[in-house]
PDB file of N, CA and C in Angstrom:
ATOM      1  N   UNK A   1      10.500  18.833  -8.913  1.00  0.00           N
ATOM      2  CA  UNK A   1       9.488  17.804  -8.764  1.00  0.00           C
ATOM      3  C   UNK A   1       9.896  16.863  -7.635  1.00  0.00           C
ATOM      4  N   UNK A   2       9.011  16.687  -6.724  1.00  0.00           N
ATOM      5  CA  UNK A   2       9.249  15.808  -5.598  1.00  0.00           C
ATOM      6  C   UNK A   2       8.910  14.362  -5.975  1.00  0.00           C
ATOM      7  N   UNK A   3       9.752  13.440  -5.556  1.00  0.00           N
ATOM      8  CA  UNK A   3       9.510  12.025  -5.847  1.00  0.00           C
ATOM      9  C   UNK A   3       8.240  11.547  -5.154  1.00  0.00           C
ATOM     10  N   UNK A   4       8.024  11.976  -3.922  1.00  0.00           N
ATOM     11  CA  UNK A   4       6.832  11.572  -3.180  1.00  0.00           C
ATOM     12  C   UNK A   4       5.568  12.051  -3.887  1.00  0.00           C
ATOM     13  N   UNK A   5       5.560  13.289  -4.309  1.00  0.00           N
ATOM     14  CA  UNK A   5       4.381  13.844  -4.990  1.00  0.00           C
ATOM     15  C   UNK A   5       4.150  13.138  -6.317  1.00  0.00           C
ATOM     16  N   UNK A   6       5.216  12.847  -7.050  1.00  0.00           N
ATOM     17  CA  UNK A   6       5.087  12.145  -8.320  1.00  0.00           C
ATOM     18  C   UNK A   6       4.511  10.750  -8.120  1.00  0.00           C
ATOM     19  N   UNK A   7       4.990  10.037  -7.110  1.00  0.00           N
ATOM     20  CA  UNK A   7       4.477   8.690  -6.832  1.00  0.00           C
ATOM     21  C   UNK A   7       3.009   8.748  -6.430  1.00  0.00           C
ATOM     22  N   UNK A   8       2.656   9.698  -5.578  1.00  0.00           N
ATOM     23  CA  UNK A   8       1.256   9.844  -5.164  1.00  0.00           C
ATOM     24  C   UNK A   8       0.374  10.153  -6.367  1.00  0.00           C
ATOM     25  N   UNK A   9       0.834  11.016  -7.261  1.00  0.00           N
ATOM     26  CA  UNK A   9       0.050  11.356  -8.455  1.00  0.00           C
ATOM     27  C   UNK A   9      -0.161  10.133  -9.336  1.00  0.00           C
ATOM     28  N   UNK A  10       0.889   9.338  -9.529  1.00  0.00           N
ATOM     29  CA  UNK A  10       0.772   8.151 -10.382  1.00  0.00           C
ATOM     30  C   UNK A  10      -0.128   7.095  -9.759  1.00  0.00           C
ATOM     31  N   UNK A  11       0.029   6.840  -8.454  1.00  0.00           N
ATOM     32  CA  UNK A  11      -0.767   5.803  -7.804  1.00  0.00           C
ATOM     33  C   UNK A  11      -2.241   6.172  -7.668  1.00  0.00           C
ATOM     34  N   UNK A  12      -2.530   7.450  -7.478  1.00  0.00           N
ATOM     35  CA  UNK A  12      -3.917   7.846  -7.277  1.00  0.00           C
ATOM     36  C   UNK A  12      -4.632   8.240  -8.557  1.00  0.00           C
ATOM     37  N   UNK A  13      -3.871   8.492  -9.626  1.00  0.00           N
ATOM     38  CA  UNK A  13      -4.505   8.822 -10.899  1.00  0.00           C
ATOM     39  C   UNK A  13      -4.888  10.279 -11.051  1.00  0.00           C
ATOM     40  N   UNK A  14      -4.166  11.168 -10.392  1.00  0.00           N
ATOM     41  CA  UNK A  14      -4.415  12.606 -10.543  1.00  0.00           C
ATOM     42  C   UNK A  14      -3.177  13.246 -11.176  1.00  0.00           C
ATOM     43  N   UNK A  15      -3.297  14.522 -11.538  1.00  0.00           N
ATOM     44  CA  UNK A  15      -2.145  15.211 -12.105  1.00  0.00           C
ATOM     45  C   UNK A  15      -1.229  15.729 -10.993  1.00  0.00           C
ATOM     46  N   UNK A  16      -0.036  16.143 -11.386  1.00  0.00           N
ATOM     47  CA  UNK A  16       0.981  16.556 -10.415  1.00  0.00           C
ATOM     48  C   UNK A  16       0.531  17.735  -9.545  1.00  0.00           C
ATOM     49  N   UNK A  17      -0.083  18.797 -10.112  1.00  0.00           N
ATOM     50  CA  UNK A  17      -0.498  19.918  -9.259  1.00  0.00           C
ATOM     51  C   UNK A  17      -1.524  19.519  -8.192  1.00  0.00           C
ATOM     52  N   UNK A  18      -2.443  18.615  -8.524  1.00  0.00           N
ATOM     53  CA  UNK A  18      -3.426  18.167  -7.527  1.00  0.00           C
ATOM     54  C   UNK A  18      -2.745  17.378  -6.415  1.00  0.00           C
ATOM     55  N   UNK A  19      -1.777  16.536  -6.780  1.00  0.00           N
ATOM     56  CA  UNK A  19      -1.051  15.776  -5.763  1.00  0.00           C
ATOM     57  C   UNK A  19      -0.206  16.703  -4.895  1.00  0.00           C
ATOM     58  N   UNK A  20       0.390  17.719  -5.504  1.00  0.00           N
ATOM     59  CA  UNK A  20       1.176  18.692  -4.742  1.00  0.00           C
ATOM     60  C   UNK A  20       0.288  19.450  -3.762  1.00  0.00           C
ATOM     61  N   UNK A  21      -0.902  19.818  -4.205  1.00  0.00           N
ATOM     62  CA  UNK A  21      -1.842  20.526  -3.324  1.00  0.00           C
ATOM     63  C   UNK A  21      -2.282  19.626  -2.169  1.00  0.00           C
ATOM     64  N   UNK A  22      -2.524  18.349  -2.451  1.00  0.00           N
ATOM     65  CA  UNK A  22      -2.910  17.418  -1.391  1.00  0.00           C
ATOM     66  C   UNK A  22      -1.785  17.256  -0.373  1.00  0.00           C
ATOM     67  N   UNK A  23      -0.553  17.175  -0.839  1.00  0.00           N
ATOM     68  CA  UNK A  23       0.588  17.065   0.079  1.00  0.00           C
ATOM     69  C   UNK A  23       0.745  18.331   0.911  1.00  0.00           C
ATOM     70  N   UNK A  24       0.553  19.481   0.282  1.00  0.00           N
ATOM     71  CA  UNK A  24       0.642  20.741   1.022  1.00  0.00           C
ATOM     72  C   UNK A  24      -0.452  20.839   2.082  1.00  0.00           C
ATOM     73  N   UNK A  25      -1.668  20.421   1.731  1.00  0.00           N
ATOM     74  CA  UNK A  25      -2.766  20.456   2.696  1.00  0.00           C
ATOM     75  C   UNK A  25      -2.543  19.470   3.837  1.00  0.00           C
ATOM     76  N   UNK A  26      -2.063  18.283   3.509  1.00  0.00           N
ATOM     77  CA  UNK A  26      -1.803  17.288   4.554  1.00  0.00           C
ATOM     78  C   UNK A  26      -0.729  17.788   5.512  1.00  0.00           C
ATOM     79  N   UNK A  27       0.261  18.483   4.987  1.00  0.00           N
ATOM     80  CA  UNK A  27       1.297  19.052   5.839  1.00  0.00           C
ATOM     81  C   UNK A  27       0.788  20.210   6.671  1.00  0.00           C
ATOM     82  N   UNK A  28      -0.125  20.999   6.112  1.00  0.00           N
ATOM     83  CA  UNK A  28      -0.666  22.146   6.836  1.00  0.00           C
ATOM     84  C   UNK A  28      -1.595  21.714   7.968  1.00  0.00           C
ATOM     85  N   UNK A  29      -2.376  20.656   7.753  1.00  0.00           N
ATOM     86  CA  UNK A  29      -3.297  20.194   8.792  1.00  0.00           C
ATOM     87  C   UNK A  29      -2.557  19.486   9.915  1.00  0.00           C
ATOM     88  N   UNK A  30      -1.413  18.890   9.607  1.00  0.00           N
ATOM     89  CA  UNK A  30      -0.526  18.290  10.602  1.00  0.00           C
ATOM     90  C   UNK A  30      -1.266  17.336  11.546  1.00  0.00           C
ATOM     91  N   UNK A  31      -2.089  16.449  10.977  1.00  0.00           N
ATOM     92  CA  UNK A  31      -2.765  15.432  11.766  1.00  0.00           C
ATOM     93  C   UNK A  31      -3.978  15.918  12.524  1.00  0.00           C
ATOM     94  N   UNK A  32      -4.444  17.121  12.264  1.00  0.00           N
ATOM     95  CA  UNK A  32      -5.620  17.649  12.951  1.00  0.00           C
ATOM     96  C   UNK A  32      -6.863  16.910  12.472  1.00  0.00           C
ATOM     97  N   UNK A  33      -7.539  16.220  13.388  1.00  0.00           N
ATOM     98  CA  UNK A  33      -8.644  15.342  13.012  1.00  0.00           C
ATOM     99  C   UNK A  33      -9.868  16.123  12.555  1.00  0.00           C
ATOM    100  N   UNK A  34     -10.162  17.231  13.161  1.00  0.00           N
ATOM    101  CA  UNK A  34     -11.382  17.973  12.855  1.00  0.00           C
ATOM    102  C   UNK A  34     -11.266  18.938  11.705  1.00  0.00           C
ATOM    103  N   UNK A  35     -10.156  18.933  10.985  1.00  0.00           N
ATOM    104  CA  UNK A  35      -9.955  19.887   9.894  1.00  0.00           C
ATOM    105  C   UNK A  35     -10.869  19.561   8.709  1.00  0.00           C
ATOM    106  N   UNK A  36     -11.386  20.602   8.091  1.00  0.00           N
ATOM    107  CA  UNK A  36     -12.270  20.428   6.936  1.00  0.00           C
ATOM    108  C   UNK A  36     -11.438  20.140   5.687  1.00  0.00           C
ATOM    109  N   UNK A  37     -11.789  19.077   4.986  1.00  0.00           N
ATOM    110  CA  UNK A  37     -11.094  18.685   3.759  1.00  0.00           C
ATOM    111  C   UNK A  37     -11.804  19.337   2.582  1.00  0.00           C
ATOM    112  N   UNK A  38     -11.069  19.906   1.631  1.00  0.00           N
ATOM    113  CA  UNK A  38     -11.709  20.495   0.452  1.00  0.00           C
ATOM    114  C   UNK A  38     -12.541  19.461  -0.313  1.00  0.00           C
ATOM    115  N   UNK A  39     -13.561  19.937  -0.975  1.00  0.00           N
ATOM    116  CA  UNK A  39     -14.516  19.074  -1.687  1.00  0.00           C
ATOM    117  C   UNK A  39     -13.838  18.177  -2.717  1.00  0.00           C
ATOM    118  N   UNK A  40     -12.802  18.663  -3.382  1.00  0.00           N
ATOM    119  CA  UNK A  40     -12.150  17.872  -4.432  1.00  0.00           C
ATOM    120  C   UNK A  40     -11.417  16.651  -3.888  1.00  0.00           C
ATOM    121  N   UNK A  41     -11.173  16.599  -2.579  1.00  0.00           N
ATOM    122  CA  UNK A  41     -10.473  15.474  -1.972  1.00  0.00           C
ATOM    123  C   UNK A  41     -11.390  14.584  -1.138  1.00  0.00           C
ATOM    124  N   UNK A  42     -12.679  14.621  -1.396  1.00  0.00           N
ATOM    125  CA  UNK A  42     -13.612  13.817  -0.598  1.00  0.00           C
ATOM    126  C   UNK A  42     -14.119  12.563  -1.311  1.00  0.00           C
ATOM    127  N   UNK A  43     -13.845  12.419  -2.586  1.00  0.00           N
ATOM    128  CA  UNK A  43     -14.313  11.238  -3.312  1.00  0.00           C
ATOM    129  C   UNK A  43     -13.391  10.948  -4.492  1.00  0.00           C
ATOM    130  N   UNK A  44     -13.426   9.703  -4.953  1.00  0.00           N
ATOM    131  CA  UNK A  44     -12.701   9.290  -6.151  1.00  0.00           C
ATOM    132  C   UNK A  44     -11.189   9.383  -6.048  1.00  0.00           C
ATOM    133  N   UNK A  45     -10.577   9.785  -7.144  1.00  0.00           N
ATOM    134  CA  UNK A  45      -9.120   9.866  -7.220  1.00  0.00           C
ATOM    135  C   UNK A  45      -8.565  10.906  -6.258  1.00  0.00           C
ATOM    136  N   UNK A  46      -9.298  11.963  -6.025  1.00  0.00           N
ATOM    137  CA  UNK A  46      -8.858  12.986  -5.071  1.00  0.00           C
ATOM    138  C   UNK A  46      -8.764  12.452  -3.656  1.00  0.00           C
ATOM    139  N   UNK A  47      -9.709  11.603  -3.281  1.00  0.00           N
ATOM    140  CA  UNK A  47      -9.681  11.003  -1.941  1.00  0.00           C
ATOM    141  C   UNK A  47      -8.485  10.062  -1.804  1.00  0.00           C
ATOM    142  N   UNK A  48      -8.209   9.274  -2.849  1.00  0.00           N
ATOM    143  CA  UNK A  48      -7.019   8.405  -2.818  1.00  0.00           C
ATOM    144  C   UNK A  48      -5.751   9.236  -2.692  1.00  0.00           C
ATOM    145  N   UNK A  49      -5.700  10.315  -3.441  1.00  0.00           N
ATOM    146  CA  UNK A  49      -4.537  11.192  -3.424  1.00  0.00           C
ATOM    147  C   UNK A  49      -4.335  11.798  -2.039  1.00  0.00           C
ATOM    148  N   UNK A  50      -5.387  12.296  -1.441  1.00  0.00           N
ATOM    149  CA  UNK A  50      -5.279  12.923  -0.119  1.00  0.00           C
ATOM    150  C   UNK A  50      -4.923  11.889   0.946  1.00  0.00           C
ATOM    151  N   UNK A  51      -5.462  10.684   0.828  1.00  0.00           N
ATOM    152  CA  UNK A  51      -5.131   9.630   1.785  1.00  0.00           C
ATOM    153  C   UNK A  51      -3.653   9.263   1.699  1.00  0.00           C
ATOM    154  N   UNK A  52      -3.135   9.097   0.501  1.00  0.00           N
ATOM    155  CA  UNK A  52      -1.708   8.797   0.333  1.00  0.00           C
ATOM    156  C   UNK A  52      -0.831   9.950   0.834  1.00  0.00           C
ATOM    157  N   UNK A  53      -1.259  11.178   0.570  1.00  0.00           N
ATOM    158  CA  UNK A  53      -0.494  12.342   1.027  1.00  0.00           C
ATOM    159  C   UNK A  53      -0.481  12.417   2.552  1.00  0.00           C
ATOM    160  N   UNK A  54      -1.594  12.092   3.179  1.00  0.00           N
ATOM    161  CA  UNK A  54      -1.658  12.104   4.642  1.00  0.00           C
ATOM    162  C   UNK A  54      -0.760  11.022   5.230  1.00  0.00           C
ATOM    163  N   UNK A  55      -0.778   9.842   4.646  1.00  0.00           N
ATOM    164  CA  UNK A  55       0.097   8.764   5.129  1.00  0.00           C
ATOM    165  C   UNK A  55       1.563   9.137   4.912  1.00  0.00           C
ATOM    166  N   UNK A  56       1.875   9.706   3.765  1.00  0.00           N
ATOM    167  CA  UNK A  56       3.262  10.107   3.483  1.00  0.00           C
ATOM    168  C   UNK A  56       3.726  11.198   4.435  1.00  0.00           C
ATOM    169  N   UNK A  57       2.822  12.071   4.846  1.00  0.00           N
ATOM    170  CA  UNK A  57       3.186  13.169   5.742  1.00  0.00           C
ATOM    171  C   UNK A  57       3.286  12.729   7.196  1.00  0.00           C
ATOM    172  N   UNK A  58       2.334  11.924   7.653  1.00  0.00           N
ATOM    173  CA  UNK A  58       2.294  11.578   9.074  1.00  0.00           C
ATOM    174  C   UNK A  58       3.055  10.310   9.411  1.00  0.00           C
ATOM    175  N   UNK A  59       3.109   9.355   8.493  1.00  0.00           N
ATOM    176  CA  UNK A  59       3.793   8.087   8.724  1.00  0.00           C
ATOM    177  C   UNK A  59       4.694   7.765   7.541  1.00  0.00           C
ATOM    178  N   UNK A  60       5.794   8.450   7.483  1.00  0.00           N
ATOM    179  CA  UNK A  60       6.708   8.362   6.346  1.00  0.00           C
ATOM    180  C   UNK A  60       7.268   6.954   6.166  1.00  0.00           C
ATOM    181  N   UNK A  61       7.665   6.314   7.258  1.00  0.00           N
ATOM    182  CA  UNK A  61       8.238   4.965   7.164  1.00  0.00           C
ATOM    183  C   UNK A  61       7.202   3.967   6.638  1.00  0.00           C
ATOM    184  N   UNK A  62       5.962   4.102   7.055  1.00  0.00           N
ATOM    185  CA  UNK A  62       4.898   3.221   6.573  1.00  0.00           C
ATOM    186  C   UNK A  62       4.677   3.417   5.075  1.00  0.00           C
ATOM    187  N   UNK A  63       4.690   4.657   4.616  1.00  0.00           N
ATOM    188  CA  UNK A  63       4.490   4.950   3.198  1.00  0.00           C
ATOM    189  C   UNK A  63       5.592   4.317   2.352  1.00  0.00           C
ATOM    190  N   UNK A  64       6.853   4.578   2.697  1.00  0.00           N
ATOM    191  CA  UNK A  64       7.960   4.061   1.899  1.00  0.00           C
ATOM    192  C   UNK A  64       8.132   2.556   2.073  1.00  0.00           C
ATOM    193  N   UNK A  65       7.879   2.035   3.271  1.00  0.00           N
ATOM    194  CA  UNK A  65       7.953   0.587   3.476  1.00  0.00           C
ATOM    195  C   UNK A  65       6.887  -0.145   2.682  1.00  0.00           C
ATOM    196  N   UNK A  66       5.676   0.390   2.662  1.00  0.00           N
ATOM    197  CA  UNK A  66       4.605  -0.205   1.870  1.00  0.00           C
ATOM    198  C   UNK A  66       4.889  -0.141   0.388  1.00  0.00           C
ATOM    199  N   UNK A  67       5.452   0.962  -0.060  1.00  0.00           N
ATOM    200  CA  UNK A  67       5.802   1.101  -1.464  1.00  0.00           C
ATOM    201  C   UNK A  67       6.899   0.111  -1.855  1.00  0.00           C
ATOM    202  N   UNK A  68       7.880  -0.056  -0.991  1.00  0.00           N
ATOM    203  CA  UNK A  68       8.952  -1.021  -1.242  1.00  0.00           C
ATOM    204  C   UNK A  68       8.404  -2.444  -1.274  1.00  0.00           C
ATOM    205  N   UNK A  69       7.514  -2.765  -0.351  1.00  0.00           N
ATOM    206  CA  UNK A  69       6.899  -4.089  -0.324  1.00  0.00           C
ATOM    207  C   UNK A  69       6.048  -4.326  -1.570  1.00  0.00           C
ATOM    208  N   UNK A  70       5.293  -3.322  -1.943  1.00  0.00           N
ATOM    209  CA  UNK A  70       4.448  -3.412  -3.134  1.00  0.00           C
ATOM    210  C   UNK A  70       5.281  -3.693  -4.380  1.00  0.00           C
ATOM    211  N   UNK A  71       6.462  -3.106  -4.453  1.00  0.00           N
ATOM    212  CA  UNK A  71       7.333  -3.304  -5.614  1.00  0.00           C
ATOM    213  C   UNK A  71       8.107  -4.613  -5.554  1.00  0.00           C
ATOM    214  N   UNK A  72       8.402  -5.103  -4.352  1.00  0.00           N
ATOM    215  CA  UNK A  72       9.257  -6.287  -4.239  1.00  0.00           C
ATOM    216  C   UNK A  72       8.495  -7.612  -4.365  1.00  0.00           C
ATOM    217  N   UNK A  73       7.215  -7.640  -4.116  1.00  0.00           N
ATOM    218  CA  UNK A  73       6.452  -8.892  -4.191  1.00  0.00           C
ATOM    219  C   UNK A  73       6.496  -9.507  -5.592  1.00  0.00           C
ATOM    220  N   UNK A  74       6.275  -8.766  -6.678  1.00  0.00           N
ATOM    221  CA  UNK A  74       6.392  -9.389  -8.006  1.00  0.00           C
ATOM    222  C   UNK A  74       7.803  -9.889  -8.307  1.00  0.00           C
ATOM    223  N   UNK A  75       8.808  -9.179  -7.837  1.00  0.00           N
ATOM    224  CA  UNK A  75      10.189  -9.616  -8.055  1.00  0.00           C
ATOM    225  C   UNK A  75      10.442 -10.932  -7.327  1.00  0.00           C
ATOM    226  N   UNK A  76       9.994 -11.032  -6.094  1.00  0.00           N
ATOM    227  CA  UNK A  76      10.170 -12.272  -5.329  1.00  0.00           C
ATOM    228  C   UNK A  76       9.383 -13.430  -5.955  1.00  0.00           C
ATOM    229  N   UNK A  77       8.208 -13.156  -6.464  1.00  0.00           N
ATOM    230  CA  UNK A  77       7.428 -14.201  -7.132  1.00  0.00           C
ATOM    231  C   UNK A  77       8.131 -14.681  -8.399  1.00  0.00           C
ATOM    232  N   UNK A  78       8.708 -13.775  -9.153  1.00  0.00           N
ATOM    233  CA  UNK A  78       9.441 -14.139 -10.354  1.00  0.00           C
ATOM    234  C   UNK A  78      10.681 -14.988 -10.008  1.00  0.00           C
ATOM    235  N   UNK A  79      11.378 -14.629  -8.969  1.00  0.00           N
ATOM    236  CA  UNK A  79      12.525 -15.404  -8.532  1.00  0.00           C
ATOM    237  C   UNK A  79      12.096 -16.805  -8.124  1.00  0.00           C
ATOM    238  N   UNK A  80      10.978 -16.910  -7.425  1.00  0.00           N
ATOM    239  CA  UNK A  80      10.457 -18.217  -7.003  1.00  0.00           C
ATOM    240  C   UNK A  80      10.122 -19.083  -8.216  1.00  0.00           C
ATOM    241  N   UNK A  81       9.517 -18.497  -9.242  1.00  0.00           N
ATOM    242  CA  UNK A  81       9.150 -19.243 -10.444  1.00  0.00           C
ATOM    243  C   UNK A  81      10.393 -19.691 -11.213  1.00  0.00           C
ATOM    244  N   UNK A  82      11.375 -18.827 -11.325  1.00  0.00           N
ATOM    245  CA  UNK A  82      12.568 -19.140 -12.109  1.00  0.00           C
ATOM    246  C   UNK A  82      13.470 -20.152 -11.424  1.00  0.00           C
ATOM    247  N   UNK A  83      13.512 -20.151 -10.113  1.00  0.00           N
ATOM    248  CA  UNK A  83      14.395 -21.043  -9.392  1.00  0.00           C
ATOM    249  C   UNK A  83      13.685 -22.243  -8.781  1.00  0.00           C
ATOM    250  N   UNK A  84      12.427 -22.394  -9.075  1.00  0.00           N
ATOM    251  CA  UNK A  84      11.667 -23.561  -8.638  1.00  0.00           C
ATOM    252  C   UNK A  84      11.520 -23.620  -7.209  1.00  0.00           C
TER     253      UNK A  84
END
């Protein structure tokens, strides 16, 4: 089980196999703009999943940096509240 695929599945609300398929497709298209996206990834949770997979594949630092920032903001807010 890949950590990236697991995180994408949890954040987008899909199961692990769908997230794995989205990551595989994003890697196969390799940033090709005119590539046809499968119907299951064009709306709803599938679209969120494919978008996260594309960002994770093409801009890895942005994906992990955003995830780190997303996780650290509540911690920093809690520290601010506790230390006045």
